Amino acid sequence: MNALSNASRRLLDRWQVPPDVVLMTTALVVGLTTGIGAVIFRYLIRGVEWIGYDLLPTLTAGWGRAYVVFVPAIGGLLVGLLVYNFAREAKGHGV
């Protein structure tokens, strides 16, 4: 990271870019990245809603009362795998 920082600093010094331009460019990049991230997040929310409200009820229509037992169990297994593999420090009843 230091090499990248030093290289960018040398480039800015060589081109004599005013600090205002650097600030505006940084703000533009941060704003665009945040906006794109927000749009992607909204699409992810729609995808999860589609799975939960459209796909799952269609796939489990013939399960009857077993649906009430198996769907939360499958969800618990998925959360357990995620916590075990990606967030081992997450402990307690809030997970």
PDB file of N, CA and C in Angstrom:
ATOM      1  N   MET A   1       0.827  -1.192   0.000  1.00  0.00           N
ATOM      2  CA  MET A   1       0.000   0.000   0.000  1.00  0.00           C
ATOM      3  C   MET A   1       0.870   1.254   0.000  1.00  0.00           C
ATOM      4  N   ASN A   2       2.007   1.186   0.701  1.00  0.00           N
ATOM      5  CA  ASN A   2       2.888   2.348   0.734  1.00  0.00           C
ATOM      6  C   ASN A   2       3.457   2.655  -0.639  1.00  0.00           C
ATOM      7  N   ALA A   3       3.756   1.606  -1.418  1.00  0.00           N
ATOM      8  CA  ALA A   3       4.288   1.826  -2.761  1.00  0.00           C
ATOM      9  C   ALA A   3       3.263   2.550  -3.628  1.00  0.00           C
ATOM     10  N   LEU A   4       1.999   2.151  -3.501  1.00  0.00           N
ATOM     11  CA  LEU A   4       0.936   2.822  -4.257  1.00  0.00           C
ATOM     12  C   LEU A   4       0.780   4.268  -3.807  1.00  0.00           C
ATOM     13  N   SER A   5       0.839   4.493  -2.515  1.00  0.00           N
ATOM     14  CA  SER A   5       0.722   5.847  -1.983  1.00  0.00           C
ATOM     15  C   SER A   5       1.887   6.718  -2.445  1.00  0.00           C
ATOM     16  N   ASN A   6       3.092   6.164  -2.396  1.00  0.00           N
ATOM     17  CA  ASN A   6       4.259   6.929  -2.836  1.00  0.00           C
ATOM     18  C   ASN A   6       4.202   7.219  -4.331  1.00  0.00           C
ATOM     19  N   ALA A   7       3.767   6.242  -5.115  1.00  0.00           N
ATOM     20  CA  ALA A   7       3.676   6.440  -6.562  1.00  0.00           C
ATOM     21  C   ALA A   7       2.642   7.504  -6.899  1.00  0.00           C
ATOM     22  N   SER A   8       1.494   7.471  -6.227  1.00  0.00           N
ATOM     23  CA  SER A   8       0.468   8.482  -6.506  1.00  0.00           C
ATOM     24  C   SER A   8       0.935   9.865  -6.060  1.00  0.00           C
ATOM     25  N   ARG A   9       1.657   9.928  -4.962  1.00  0.00           N
ATOM     26  CA  ARG A   9       2.165  11.215  -4.488  1.00  0.00           C
ATOM     27  C   ARG A   9       3.178  11.803  -5.479  1.00  0.00           C
ATOM     28  N   ARG A  10       4.070  10.951  -5.999  1.00  0.00           N
ATOM     29  CA  ARG A  10       5.043  11.425  -6.993  1.00  0.00           C
ATOM     30  C   ARG A  10       4.350  11.891  -8.267  1.00  0.00           C
ATOM     31  N   LEU A  11       3.310  11.138  -8.683  1.00  0.00           N
ATOM     32  CA  LEU A  11       2.573  11.512  -9.891  1.00  0.00           C
ATOM     33  C   LEU A  11       1.885  12.863  -9.722  1.00  0.00           C
ATOM     34  N   LEU A  12       1.265  13.072  -8.573  1.00  0.00           N
ATOM     35  CA  LEU A  12       0.597  14.351  -8.313  1.00  0.00           C
ATOM     36  C   LEU A  12       1.604  15.496  -8.240  1.00  0.00           C
ATOM     37  N   ASP A  13       2.772  15.225  -7.655  1.00  0.00           N
ATOM     38  CA  ASP A  13       3.804  16.265  -7.593  1.00  0.00           C
ATOM     39  C   ASP A  13       4.340  16.598  -8.980  1.00  0.00           C
ATOM     40  N   ARG A  14       4.507  15.594  -9.814  1.00  0.00           N
ATOM     41  CA  ARG A  14       5.036  15.817 -11.153  1.00  0.00           C
ATOM     42  C   ARG A  14       4.045  16.612 -11.995  1.00  0.00           C
ATOM     43  N   TRP A  15       2.767  16.278 -11.904  1.00  0.00           N
ATOM     44  CA  TRP A  15       1.757  16.961 -12.712  1.00  0.00           C
ATOM     45  C   TRP A  15       1.289  18.266 -12.082  1.00  0.00           C
ATOM     46  N   GLN A  16       1.661  18.506 -10.845  1.00  0.00           N
ATOM     47  CA  GLN A  16       1.277  19.701 -10.096  1.00  0.00           C
ATOM     48  C   GLN A  16      -0.248  19.881 -10.076  1.00  0.00           C
ATOM     49  N   VAL A  17      -0.920  18.835  -9.623  1.00  0.00           N
ATOM     50  CA  VAL A  17      -2.378  18.855  -9.537  1.00  0.00           C
ATOM     51  C   VAL A  17      -2.773  19.618  -8.272  1.00  0.00           C
ATOM     52  N   PRO A  18      -3.657  20.600  -8.399  1.00  0.00           N
ATOM     53  CA  PRO A  18      -4.097  21.352  -7.218  1.00  0.00           C
ATOM     54  C   PRO A  18      -4.875  20.451  -6.252  1.00  0.00           C
ATOM     55  N   PRO A  19      -4.778  20.746  -4.960  1.00  0.00           N
ATOM     56  CA  PRO A  19      -5.486  19.933  -3.965  1.00  0.00           C
ATOM     57  C   PRO A  19      -6.998  19.902  -4.182  1.00  0.00           C
ATOM     58  N   ASP A  20      -7.562  20.980  -4.708  1.00  0.00           N
ATOM     59  CA  ASP A  20      -9.006  21.007  -4.954  1.00  0.00           C
ATOM     60  C   ASP A  20      -9.411  19.961  -5.992  1.00  0.00           C
ATOM     61  N   VAL A  21      -8.586  19.789  -7.012  1.00  0.00           N
ATOM     62  CA  VAL A  21      -8.885  18.800  -8.053  1.00  0.00           C
ATOM     63  C   VAL A  21      -8.786  17.391  -7.480  1.00  0.00           C
ATOM     64  N   VAL A  22      -7.792  17.175  -6.632  1.00  0.00           N
ATOM     65  CA  VAL A  22      -7.649  15.859  -5.994  1.00  0.00           C
ATOM     66  C   VAL A  22      -8.863  15.569  -5.127  1.00  0.00           C
ATOM     67  N   LEU A  23      -9.302  16.554  -4.363  1.00  0.00           N
ATOM     68  CA  LEU A  23     -10.466  16.380  -3.492  1.00  0.00           C
ATOM     69  C   LEU A  23     -11.729  16.104  -4.300  1.00  0.00           C
ATOM     70  N   MET A  24     -11.933  16.859  -5.364  1.00  0.00           N
ATOM     71  CA  MET A  24     -13.127  16.661  -6.199  1.00  0.00           C
ATOM     72  C   MET A  24     -13.101  15.301  -6.893  1.00  0.00           C
ATOM     73  N   THR A  25     -11.943  14.888  -7.364  1.00  0.00           N
ATOM     74  CA  THR A  25     -11.830  13.586  -8.018  1.00  0.00           C
ATOM     75  C   THR A  25     -12.090  12.464  -7.026  1.00  0.00           C
ATOM     76  N   THR A  26     -11.530  12.598  -5.836  1.00  0.00           N
ATOM     77  CA  THR A  26     -11.767  11.590  -4.804  1.00  0.00           C
ATOM     78  C   THR A  26     -13.246  11.531  -4.434  1.00  0.00           C
ATOM     79  N   ALA A  27     -13.876  12.676  -4.294  1.00  0.00           N
ATOM     80  CA  ALA A  27     -15.308  12.718  -3.973  1.00  0.00           C
ATOM     81  C   ALA A  27     -16.135  12.083  -5.082  1.00  0.00           C
ATOM     82  N   LEU A  28     -15.755  12.336  -6.330  1.00  0.00           N
ATOM     83  CA  LEU A  28     -16.471  11.746  -7.459  1.00  0.00           C
ATOM     84  C   LEU A  28     -16.356  10.225  -7.456  1.00  0.00           C
ATOM     85  N   VAL A  29     -15.155   9.725  -7.225  1.00  0.00           N
ATOM     86  CA  VAL A  29     -14.949   8.271  -7.208  1.00  0.00           C
ATOM     87  C   VAL A  29     -15.712   7.632  -6.048  1.00  0.00           C
ATOM     88  N   VAL A  30     -15.644   8.245  -4.877  1.00  0.00           N
ATOM     89  CA  VAL A  30     -16.360   7.707  -3.715  1.00  0.00           C
ATOM     90  C   VAL A  30     -17.867   7.748  -3.947  1.00  0.00           C
ATOM     91  N   GLY A  31     -18.377   8.826  -4.499  1.00  0.00           N
ATOM     92  CA  GLY A  31     -19.811   8.941  -4.764  1.00  0.00           C
ATOM     93  C   GLY A  31     -20.303   7.927  -5.779  1.00  0.00           C
ATOM     94  N   LEU A  32     -19.559   7.772  -6.871  1.00  0.00           N
ATOM     95  CA  LEU A  32     -19.953   6.782  -7.880  1.00  0.00           C
ATOM     96  C   LEU A  32     -19.920   5.368  -7.320  1.00  0.00           C
ATOM     97  N   THR A  33     -18.877   5.055  -6.577  1.00  0.00           N
ATOM     98  CA  THR A  33     -18.769   3.716  -5.997  1.00  0.00           C
ATOM     99  C   THR A  33     -19.900   3.452  -5.009  1.00  0.00           C
ATOM    100  N   THR A  34     -20.222   4.431  -4.190  1.00  0.00           N
ATOM    101  CA  THR A  34     -21.310   4.281  -3.226  1.00  0.00           C
ATOM    102  C   THR A  34     -22.652   4.121  -3.927  1.00  0.00           C
ATOM    103  N   GLY A  35     -22.887   4.902  -4.964  1.00  0.00           N
ATOM    104  CA  GLY A  35     -24.142   4.788  -5.712  1.00  0.00           C
ATOM    105  C   GLY A  35     -24.299   3.432  -6.369  1.00  0.00           C
ATOM    106  N   ILE A  36     -23.238   2.952  -6.994  1.00  0.00           N
ATOM    107  CA  ILE A  36     -23.292   1.628  -7.625  1.00  0.00           C
ATOM    108  C   ILE A  36     -23.504   0.551  -6.568  1.00  0.00           C
ATOM    109  N   GLY A  37     -22.836   0.692  -5.423  1.00  0.00           N
ATOM    110  CA  GLY A  37     -23.028  -0.268  -4.336  1.00  0.00           C
ATOM    111  C   GLY A  37     -24.456  -0.271  -3.819  1.00  0.00           C
ATOM    112  N   ALA A  38     -25.079   0.899  -3.733  1.00  0.00           N
ATOM    113  CA  ALA A  38     -26.468   0.984  -3.267  1.00  0.00           C
ATOM    114  C   ALA A  38     -27.419   0.312  -4.247  1.00  0.00           C
ATOM    115  N   VAL A  39     -27.187   0.506  -5.540  1.00  0.00           N
ATOM    116  CA  VAL A  39     -28.043  -0.133  -6.549  1.00  0.00           C
ATOM    117  C   VAL A  39     -27.888  -1.646  -6.489  1.00  0.00           C
ATOM    118  N   ILE A  40     -26.660  -2.129  -6.373  1.00  0.00           N
ATOM    119  CA  ILE A  40     -26.430  -3.576  -6.270  1.00  0.00           C
ATOM    120  C   ILE A  40     -27.092  -4.130  -5.015  1.00  0.00           C
ATOM    121  N   PHE A  41     -27.008  -3.396  -3.902  1.00  0.00           N
ATOM    122  CA  PHE A  41     -27.631  -3.833  -2.659  1.00  0.00           C
ATOM    123  C   PHE A  41     -29.141  -3.948  -2.809  1.00  0.00           C
ATOM    124  N   ARG A  42     -29.759  -3.004  -3.511  1.00  0.00           N
ATOM    125  CA  ARG A  42     -31.208  -3.075  -3.737  1.00  0.00           C
ATOM    126  C   ARG A  42     -31.576  -4.300  -4.560  1.00  0.00           C
ATOM    127  N   TYR A  43     -30.776  -4.602  -5.593  1.00  0.00           N
ATOM    128  CA  TYR A  43     -31.031  -5.801  -6.393  1.00  0.00           C
ATOM    129  C   TYR A  43     -30.856  -7.071  -5.560  1.00  0.00           C
ATOM    130  N   LEU A  44     -29.894  -7.082  -4.654  1.00  0.00           N
ATOM    131  CA  LEU A  44     -29.724  -8.239  -3.773  1.00  0.00           C
ATOM    132  C   LEU A  44     -30.935  -8.411  -2.855  1.00  0.00           C
ATOM    133  N   ILE A  45     -31.468  -7.312  -2.346  1.00  0.00           N
ATOM    134  CA  ILE A  45     -32.667  -7.387  -1.508  1.00  0.00           C
ATOM    135  C   ILE A  45     -33.834  -7.951  -2.308  1.00  0.00           C
ATOM    136  N   ARG A  46     -34.006  -7.479  -3.541  1.00  0.00           N
ATOM    137  CA  ARG A  46     -35.081  -8.016  -4.387  1.00  0.00           C
ATOM    138  C   ARG A  46     -34.888  -9.505  -4.650  1.00  0.00           C
ATOM    139  N   GLY A  47     -33.655  -9.923  -4.853  1.00  0.00           N
ATOM    140  CA  GLY A  47     -33.383 -11.343  -5.088  1.00  0.00           C
ATOM    141  C   GLY A  47     -33.735 -12.202  -3.888  1.00  0.00           C
ATOM    142  N   VAL A  48     -33.384 -11.730  -2.694  1.00  0.00           N
ATOM    143  CA  VAL A  48     -33.715 -12.486  -1.482  1.00  0.00           C
ATOM    144  C   VAL A  48     -35.224 -12.515  -1.273  1.00  0.00           C
ATOM    145  N   GLU A  49     -35.905 -11.411  -1.544  1.00  0.00           N
ATOM    146  CA  GLU A  49     -37.366 -11.403  -1.440  1.00  0.00           C
ATOM    147  C   GLU A  49     -37.984 -12.383  -2.431  1.00  0.00           C
ATOM    148  N   TRP A  50     -37.456 -12.431  -3.646  1.00  0.00           N
ATOM    149  CA  TRP A  50     -37.980 -13.357  -4.651  1.00  0.00           C
ATOM    150  C   TRP A  50     -37.790 -14.802  -4.196  1.00  0.00           C
ATOM    151  N   ILE A  51     -36.633 -15.108  -3.637  1.00  0.00           N
ATOM    152  CA  ILE A  51     -36.394 -16.474  -3.156  1.00  0.00           C
ATOM    153  C   ILE A  51     -37.360 -16.805  -2.027  1.00  0.00           C
ATOM    154  N   GLY A  52     -37.519 -15.883  -1.072  1.00  0.00           N
ATOM    155  CA  GLY A  52     -38.345 -16.157   0.096  1.00  0.00           C
ATOM    156  C   GLY A  52     -39.833 -16.178  -0.169  1.00  0.00           C
ATOM    157  N   TYR A  53     -40.312 -15.309  -1.053  1.00  0.00           N
ATOM    158  CA  TYR A  53     -41.754 -15.184  -1.248  1.00  0.00           C
ATOM    159  C   TYR A  53     -42.283 -15.872  -2.503  1.00  0.00           C
ATOM    160  N   ASP A  54     -41.432 -16.131  -3.477  1.00  0.00           N
ATOM    161  CA  ASP A  54     -41.897 -16.755  -4.718  1.00  0.00           C
ATOM    162  C   ASP A  54     -41.329 -18.158  -4.915  1.00  0.00           C
ATOM    163  N   LEU A  55     -40.027 -18.300  -4.828  1.00  0.00           N
ATOM    164  CA  LEU A  55     -39.389 -19.575  -5.149  1.00  0.00           C
ATOM    165  C   LEU A  55     -39.616 -20.632  -4.071  1.00  0.00           C
ATOM    166  N   LEU A  56     -39.324 -20.297  -2.817  1.00  0.00           N
ATOM    167  CA  LEU A  56     -39.458 -21.283  -1.740  1.00  0.00           C
ATOM    168  C   LEU A  56     -40.877 -21.817  -1.587  1.00  0.00           C
ATOM    169  N   PRO A  57     -41.904 -20.971  -1.554  1.00  0.00           N
ATOM    170  CA  PRO A  57     -43.258 -21.523  -1.444  1.00  0.00           C
ATOM    171  C   PRO A  57     -43.637 -22.411  -2.628  1.00  0.00           C
ATOM    172  N   THR A  58     -43.124 -22.103  -3.814  1.00  0.00           N
ATOM    173  CA  THR A  58     -43.416 -22.935  -4.981  1.00  0.00           C
ATOM    174  C   THR A  58     -42.728 -24.288  -4.867  1.00  0.00           C
ATOM    175  N   LEU A  59     -41.467 -24.287  -4.450  1.00  0.00           N
ATOM    176  CA  LEU A  59     -40.713 -25.540  -4.343  1.00  0.00           C
ATOM    177  C   LEU A  59     -41.220 -26.438  -3.222  1.00  0.00           C
ATOM    178  N   THR A  60     -41.715 -25.840  -2.154  1.00  0.00           N
ATOM    179  CA  THR A  60     -42.126 -26.620  -0.988  1.00  0.00           C
ATOM    180  C   THR A  60     -43.641 -26.747  -0.874  1.00  0.00           C
ATOM    181  N   ALA A  61     -44.357 -26.562  -1.952  1.00  0.00           N
ATOM    182  CA  ALA A  61     -45.823 -26.592  -1.902  1.00  0.00           C
ATOM    183  C   ALA A  61     -46.354 -27.950  -1.463  1.00  0.00           C
ATOM    184  N   GLY A  62     -45.693 -29.030  -1.817  1.00  0.00           N
ATOM    185  CA  GLY A  62     -46.183 -30.357  -1.472  1.00  0.00           C
ATOM    186  C   GLY A  62     -45.664 -30.904  -0.158  1.00  0.00           C
ATOM    187  N   TRP A  63     -44.915 -30.140   0.587  1.00  0.00           N
ATOM    188  CA  TRP A  63     -44.323 -30.638   1.818  1.00  0.00           C
ATOM    189  C   TRP A  63     -45.301 -30.671   2.990  1.00  0.00           C
ATOM    190  N   GLY A  64     -46.355 -29.912   2.926  1.00  0.00           N
ATOM    191  CA  GLY A  64     -47.323 -29.876   4.019  1.00  0.00           C
ATOM    192  C   GLY A  64     -46.730 -29.253   5.270  1.00  0.00           C
ATOM    193  N   ARG A  65     -46.947 -29.920   6.407  1.00  0.00           N
ATOM    194  CA  ARG A  65     -46.465 -29.383   7.679  1.00  0.00           C
ATOM    195  C   ARG A  65     -44.963 -29.550   7.863  1.00  0.00           C
ATOM    196  N   ALA A  66     -44.339 -30.417   7.090  1.00  0.00           N
ATOM    197  CA  ALA A  66     -42.894 -30.600   7.196  1.00  0.00           C
ATOM    198  C   ALA A  66     -42.151 -29.316   6.828  1.00  0.00           C
ATOM    199  N   TYR A  67     -42.792 -28.470   6.053  1.00  0.00           N
ATOM    200  CA  TYR A  67     -42.221 -27.182   5.657  1.00  0.00           C
ATOM    201  C   TYR A  67     -41.849 -26.362   6.889  1.00  0.00           C
ATOM    202  N   VAL A  68     -42.697 -26.411   7.910  1.00  0.00           N
ATOM    203  CA  VAL A  68     -42.486 -25.628   9.124  1.00  0.00           C
ATOM    204  C   VAL A  68     -41.235 -26.089   9.865  1.00  0.00           C
ATOM    205  N   VAL A  69     -40.880 -27.359   9.741  1.00  0.00           N
ATOM    206  CA  VAL A  69     -39.707 -27.890  10.434  1.00  0.00           C
ATOM    207  C   VAL A  69     -38.449 -27.766   9.584  1.00  0.00           C
ATOM    208  N   PHE A  70     -38.538 -28.136   8.314  1.00  0.00           N
ATOM    209  CA  PHE A  70     -37.335 -28.245   7.494  1.00  0.00           C
ATOM    210  C   PHE A  70     -36.773 -26.907   7.027  1.00  0.00           C
ATOM    211  N   VAL A  71     -37.594 -25.952   6.701  1.00  0.00           N
ATOM    212  CA  VAL A  71     -37.075 -24.672   6.197  1.00  0.00           C
ATOM    213  C   VAL A  71     -36.262 -23.939   7.267  1.00  0.00           C
ATOM    214  N   PRO A  72     -36.731 -23.805   8.516  1.00  0.00           N
ATOM    215  CA  PRO A  72     -35.863 -23.182   9.531  1.00  0.00           C
ATOM    216  C   PRO A  72     -34.605 -24.006   9.817  1.00  0.00           C
ATOM    217  N   ALA A  73     -34.712 -25.333   9.740  1.00  0.00           N
ATOM    218  CA  ALA A  73     -33.532 -26.168   9.963  1.00  0.00           C
ATOM    219  C   ALA A  73     -32.491 -25.944   8.872  1.00  0.00           C
ATOM    220  N   ILE A  74     -32.929 -25.854   7.633  1.00  0.00           N
ATOM    221  CA  ILE A  74     -32.009 -25.582   6.524  1.00  0.00           C
ATOM    222  C   ILE A  74     -31.397 -24.186   6.688  1.00  0.00           C
ATOM    223  N   GLY A  75     -32.201 -23.218   7.082  1.00  0.00           N
ATOM    224  CA  GLY A  75     -31.680 -21.868   7.335  1.00  0.00           C
ATOM    225  C   GLY A  75     -30.646 -21.854   8.449  1.00  0.00           C
ATOM    226  N   GLY A  76     -30.909 -22.611   9.516  1.00  0.00           N
ATOM    227  CA  GLY A  76     -29.942 -22.706  10.609  1.00  0.00           C
ATOM    228  C   GLY A  76     -28.633 -23.336  10.171  1.00  0.00           C
ATOM    229  N   LEU A  77     -28.727 -24.360   9.328  1.00  0.00           N
ATOM    230  CA  LEU A  77     -27.505 -24.976   8.802  1.00  0.00           C
ATOM    231  C   LEU A  77     -26.712 -23.992   7.946  1.00  0.00           C
ATOM    232  N   LEU A  78     -27.407 -23.232   7.116  1.00  0.00           N
ATOM    233  CA  LEU A  78     -26.716 -22.245   6.279  1.00  0.00           C
ATOM    234  C   LEU A  78     -26.036 -21.173   7.125  1.00  0.00           C
ATOM    235  N   VAL A  79     -26.732 -20.664   8.130  1.00  0.00           N
ATOM    236  CA  VAL A  79     -26.139 -19.651   9.005  1.00  0.00           C
ATOM    237  C   VAL A  79     -24.965 -20.238   9.777  1.00  0.00           C
ATOM    238  N   GLY A  80     -25.106 -21.477  10.239  1.00  0.00           N
ATOM    239  CA  GLY A  80     -24.004 -22.129  10.939  1.00  0.00           C
ATOM    240  C   GLY A  80     -22.771 -22.268  10.069  1.00  0.00           C
ATOM    241  N   LEU A  81     -22.966 -22.659   8.811  1.00  0.00           N
ATOM    242  CA  LEU A  81     -21.833 -22.766   7.890  1.00  0.00           C
ATOM    243  C   LEU A  81     -21.187 -21.406   7.637  1.00  0.00           C
ATOM    244  N   LEU A  82     -22.011 -20.377   7.460  1.00  0.00           N
ATOM    245  CA  LEU A  82     -21.464 -19.040   7.226  1.00  0.00           C
ATOM    246  C   LEU A  82     -20.658 -18.545   8.422  1.00  0.00           C
ATOM    247  N   VAL A  83     -21.203 -18.715   9.623  1.00  0.00           N
ATOM    248  CA  VAL A  83     -20.500 -18.255  10.821  1.00  0.00           C
ATOM    249  C   VAL A  83     -19.231 -19.070  11.028  1.00  0.00           C
ATOM    250  N   TYR A  84     -19.305 -20.379  10.811  1.00  0.00           N
ATOM    251  CA  TYR A  84     -18.134 -21.232  11.016  1.00  0.00           C
ATOM    252  C   TYR A  84     -17.018 -20.882  10.040  1.00  0.00           C
ATOM    253  N   ASN A  85     -17.358 -20.604   8.797  1.00  0.00           N
ATOM    254  CA  ASN A  85     -16.337 -20.369   7.780  1.00  0.00           C
ATOM    255  C   ASN A  85     -15.868 -18.920   7.691  1.00  0.00           C
ATOM    256  N   PHE A  86     -16.739 -17.954   7.988  1.00  0.00           N
ATOM    257  CA  PHE A  86     -16.389 -16.565   7.725  1.00  0.00           C
ATOM    258  C   PHE A  86     -16.363 -15.671   8.955  1.00  0.00           C
ATOM    259  N   ALA A  87     -16.963 -16.064  10.054  1.00  0.00           N
ATOM    260  CA  ALA A  87     -17.027 -15.176  11.224  1.00  0.00           C
ATOM    261  C   ALA A  87     -16.889 -15.982  12.502  1.00  0.00           C
ATOM    262  N   ARG A  88     -15.753 -16.608  12.671  1.00  0.00           N
ATOM    263  CA  ARG A  88     -15.566 -17.440  13.864  1.00  0.00           C
ATOM    264  C   ARG A  88     -15.592 -16.630  15.156  1.00  0.00           C
ATOM    265  N   GLU A  89     -15.268 -15.346  15.074  1.00  0.00           N
ATOM    266  CA  GLU A  89     -15.272 -14.523  16.281  1.00  0.00           C
ATOM    267  C   GLU A  89     -16.681 -14.148  16.720  1.00  0.00           C
ATOM    268  N   ALA A  90     -17.695 -14.382  15.871  1.00  0.00           N
ATOM    269  CA  ALA A  90     -19.081 -14.061  16.211  1.00  0.00           C
ATOM    270  C   ALA A  90     -19.619 -15.144  17.139  1.00  0.00           C
ATOM    271  N   LYS A  91     -19.792 -14.789  18.403  1.00  0.00           N
ATOM    272  CA  LYS A  91     -20.280 -15.753  19.385  1.00  0.00           C
ATOM    273  C   LYS A  91     -21.407 -15.117  20.177  1.00  0.00           C
ATOM    274  N   GLY A  92     -22.223 -15.940  20.747  1.00  0.00           N
ATOM    275  CA  GLY A  92     -23.281 -15.444  21.602  1.00  0.00           C
ATOM    276  C   GLY A  92     -24.655 -15.667  21.015  1.00  0.00           C
ATOM    277  N   HIS A  93     -25.653 -15.203  21.727  1.00  0.00           N
ATOM    278  CA  HIS A  93     -27.034 -15.437  21.336  1.00  0.00           C
ATOM    279  C   HIS A  93     -27.507 -14.496  20.245  1.00  0.00           C
ATOM    280  N   GLY A  94     -26.771 -13.449  19.914  1.00  0.00           N
ATOM    281  CA  GLY A  94     -27.213 -12.483  18.917  1.00  0.00           C
ATOM    282  C   GLY A  94     -26.912 -12.890  17.493  1.00  0.00           C
ATOM    283  N   VAL A  95     -26.272 -14.021  17.310  1.00  0.00           N
ATOM    284  CA  VAL A  95     -25.874 -14.451  15.958  1.00  0.00           C
ATOM    285  C   VAL A  95     -26.941 -15.354  15.397  1.00  0.00           C
TER     286      VAL A  95
END
